Amino acid sequence: METGTVGPAGPAGARDEPVWTGLPRGLLRMRRLLLVVWLVPLAAGIGVLLGLVVGPAWAAFALLPLACVAWGWPVLGRNWRSWRYAERADDLLISRGVLWREETVVPYGRMQLVEVTSGPVERRFGLAGVQLHTAAAATDARIPGLLPEEAERLRDRLTELGEARSAGL
């Protein structure tokens, strides 16, 4: 999912807006599956336990986890759509957030370590994340749920650009 637009002309001429890249749909599928895998058995367990111990009327509390699934399903979709990143000439932009938008700018010259991580669930879905460590701990950034090939490409490119930019310091 890539989108890009050309911004308004500034004092020095036309200014290009960054080309944003969204996260793969596999991340959304993984998160939604985890939501269902955790909350549906919880609802069934609560319903059976309360139905047997306290009475059938109390088993209605099993609907609470199911309500969380119904609420969480679209929320996960909105959150997934909010994540995007853009590679610019001097820095990497990472944007995320639905209610509170957060945009992180990571200059290539400040990157100290770029690592690709993939836990067992992520590997099952064919996903990996990129973790960026910078000179300032507060500006560490991550991009979750990338395809492994894209994560490795991004790691190699960011490492190369980071070395080139920091060599000039």
Protein backbone atom coordinates (compact mmCIF):
# COMPACT_ATOMS: atom_id res chain seq x y z
CA MET A 1 0.00 0.00 0.00
CA GLU A 2 1.84 3.03 -1.21
CA THR A 3 0.54 6.52 -1.56
CA GLY A 4 2.33 9.67 -2.51
CA THR A 5 1.40 13.18 -3.45
CA VAL A 6 3.21 16.23 -4.60
CA GLY A 7 2.92 19.08 -2.11
CA PRO A 8 2.44 22.75 -2.83
CA ALA A 9 5.25 24.71 -4.40
CA GLY A 10 7.40 26.40 -1.78
CA PRO A 11 9.68 29.43 -2.07
CA ALA A 12 12.39 27.32 -3.70
CA GLY A 13 10.02 25.59 -6.16
CA ALA A 14 8.08 22.34 -6.07
CA ARG A 15 8.44 20.29 -2.89
CA ASP A 16 7.79 16.55 -2.99
CA GLU A 17 5.87 14.98 -0.14
CA PRO A 18 7.23 11.68 1.16
CA VAL A 19 6.02 8.45 -0.41
CA TRP A 20 4.32 6.56 2.42
CA THR A 21 4.33 2.77 2.65
CA GLY A 22 1.70 0.99 4.72
CA LEU A 23 2.07 -2.30 6.57
CA PRO A 24 1.14 -5.64 5.00
CA ARG A 25 -2.36 -7.01 5.54
CA GLY A 26 -0.85 -10.08 7.24
CA LEU A 27 -0.25 -8.00 10.38
CA LEU A 28 -3.95 -7.17 10.60
CA ARG A 29 -4.89 -10.84 10.08
CA MET A 30 -2.45 -11.91 12.80
CA ARG A 31 -3.72 -9.36 15.34
CA ARG A 32 -7.36 -10.19 14.66
CA LEU A 33 -6.69 -13.90 14.96
CA LEU A 34 -4.95 -13.36 18.30
CA LEU A 35 -7.93 -11.31 19.49
CA VAL A 36 -10.31 -14.16 18.64
CA VAL A 37 -8.01 -16.93 19.90
CA TRP A 38 -7.71 -15.30 23.32
CA LEU A 39 -11.20 -13.92 23.90
CA VAL A 40 -13.56 -16.52 22.41
CA PRO A 41 -12.24 -19.41 24.60
CA LEU A 42 -12.25 -17.01 27.55
CA ALA A 43 -15.92 -16.26 26.88
CA ALA A 44 -16.73 -19.97 26.62
CA GLY A 45 -14.85 -20.72 29.85
CA ILE A 46 -16.54 -17.91 31.74
CA GLY A 47 -19.96 -18.98 30.44
CA VAL A 48 -19.52 -22.62 31.42
CA LEU A 49 -17.94 -21.86 34.80
CA LEU A 50 -20.52 -19.28 35.84
CA GLY A 51 -23.37 -21.39 34.46
CA LEU A 52 -22.32 -24.40 36.52
CA VAL A 53 -21.25 -22.65 39.72
CA VAL A 54 -23.59 -19.67 40.12
CA GLY A 55 -26.45 -20.24 37.69
CA PRO A 56 -27.41 -19.78 34.06
CA ALA A 57 -28.31 -16.10 34.48
CA TRP A 58 -24.72 -15.31 35.49
CA ALA A 59 -23.43 -17.01 32.34
CA ALA A 60 -24.48 -13.85 30.49
CA PHE A 61 -21.22 -12.30 31.73
CA ALA A 62 -19.55 -14.45 29.07
CA LEU A 63 -20.82 -11.88 26.58
CA LEU A 64 -18.27 -9.32 27.86
CA PRO A 65 -15.27 -10.93 26.13
CA LEU A 66 -17.38 -11.35 22.99
CA ALA A 67 -18.26 -7.65 23.15
CA CYS A 68 -14.51 -6.94 23.37
CA VAL A 69 -14.04 -8.97 20.17
CA ALA A 70 -16.79 -7.02 18.43
CA TRP A 71 -15.27 -3.71 19.58
CA GLY A 72 -11.64 -4.72 18.99
CA TRP A 73 -12.12 -5.99 15.43
CA PRO A 74 -12.66 -2.54 13.81
CA VAL A 75 -10.25 -0.86 16.25
CA LEU A 76 -7.46 -3.17 15.09
CA GLY A 77 -8.30 -2.28 11.49
CA ARG A 78 -8.08 1.44 12.18
CA ASN A 79 -4.82 1.00 14.06
CA TRP A 80 -3.32 -1.09 11.22
CA ARG A 81 -4.28 1.57 8.65
CA SER A 82 -2.65 4.29 10.77
CA TRP A 83 0.85 2.73 10.60
CA ARG A 84 3.04 3.87 7.71
CA TYR A 85 6.63 4.80 7.00
CA ALA A 86 8.52 6.82 4.40
CA GLU A 87 12.18 6.85 3.44
CA ARG A 88 13.45 10.33 2.64
CA ALA A 89 16.90 11.54 1.60
CA ASP A 90 18.13 12.29 5.14
CA ASP A 91 15.73 10.52 7.49
CA LEU A 92 13.07 7.89 8.00
CA LEU A 93 9.52 8.93 8.93
CA ILE A 94 7.25 6.64 10.94
CA SER A 95 3.63 7.67 11.46
CA ARG A 96 1.05 5.90 13.60
CA GLY A 97 -1.95 6.42 15.84
CA VAL A 98 -5.68 6.84 15.49
CA LEU A 99 -6.71 9.23 18.25
CA TRP A 100 -3.25 10.58 19.00
CA ARG A 101 -1.16 10.76 15.84
CA GLU A 102 2.53 10.26 16.42
CA GLU A 103 5.14 10.91 13.77
CA THR A 104 8.74 9.94 14.46
CA VAL A 105 11.59 11.32 12.38
CA VAL A 106 14.79 9.28 12.63
CA PRO A 107 17.83 10.90 10.95
CA TYR A 108 20.02 8.28 9.28
CA GLY A 109 23.16 9.70 10.88
CA ARG A 110 21.73 9.13 14.40
CA MET A 111 21.03 5.42 13.90
CA GLN A 112 23.31 3.17 15.91
CA LEU A 113 21.65 -0.20 15.42
CA VAL A 114 18.96 -1.56 13.11
CA GLU A 115 17.68 -5.03 13.91
CA VAL A 116 15.08 -7.33 12.42
CA THR A 117 13.04 -9.34 14.92
CA SER A 118 10.42 -12.02 14.41
CA GLY A 119 8.72 -13.96 17.20
CA PRO A 120 7.09 -17.37 16.75
CA VAL A 121 3.63 -15.99 15.93
CA GLU A 122 5.09 -13.42 13.52
CA ARG A 123 7.14 -16.14 11.80
CA ARG A 124 3.99 -18.26 11.43
CA PHE A 125 2.35 -15.36 9.58
CA GLY A 126 5.50 -14.58 7.57
CA LEU A 127 6.15 -11.24 9.28
CA ALA A 128 9.09 -9.46 10.88
CA GLY A 129 9.63 -6.13 12.62
CA VAL A 130 12.41 -3.56 12.28
CA GLN A 131 13.72 -1.96 15.48
CA LEU A 132 15.78 1.23 15.17
CA HIS A 133 18.11 2.24 17.99
CA THR A 134 19.44 5.78 17.95
CA ALA A 135 21.87 7.85 19.99
CA ALA A 136 18.96 9.14 22.10
CA ALA A 137 17.04 6.32 23.77
CA ALA A 138 13.79 8.30 23.66
CA THR A 139 13.77 8.30 19.85
CA ASP A 140 14.08 4.56 19.30
CA ALA A 141 11.50 3.53 16.74
CA ARG A 142 10.02 0.35 15.35
CA ILE A 143 8.08 -0.76 12.33
CA PRO A 144 6.06 -3.93 13.08
CA GLY A 145 4.64 -6.55 10.75
CA LEU A 146 6.74 -6.19 7.61
CA LEU A 147 7.38 -8.98 5.16
CA PRO A 148 10.78 -10.50 6.02
CA GLU A 149 12.26 -9.51 2.65
CA GLU A 150 11.16 -5.89 3.14
CA ALA A 151 12.44 -5.87 6.72
CA GLU A 152 15.85 -7.12 5.61
CA ARG A 153 15.95 -4.66 2.69
CA LEU A 154 15.04 -1.81 5.01
CA ARG A 155 17.63 -2.92 7.59
CA ASP A 156 20.38 -3.09 4.96
CA ARG A 157 19.42 0.27 3.43
CA LEU A 158 19.14 2.04 6.79
CA THR A 159 22.42 0.57 7.97
CA GLU A 160 24.15 1.66 4.78
CA LEU A 161 22.68 5.18 4.98
CA GLY A 162 23.47 5.40 8.69
CA GLU A 163 27.11 4.51 8.11
CA ALA A 164 27.40 6.99 5.25
CA ARG A 165 25.80 9.83 7.25
CA SER A 166 27.72 9.19 10.47
CA ALA A 167 31.05 9.00 8.62
CA GLY A 168 30.74 12.71 7.88
CA LEU A 169 30.46 13.63 11.59
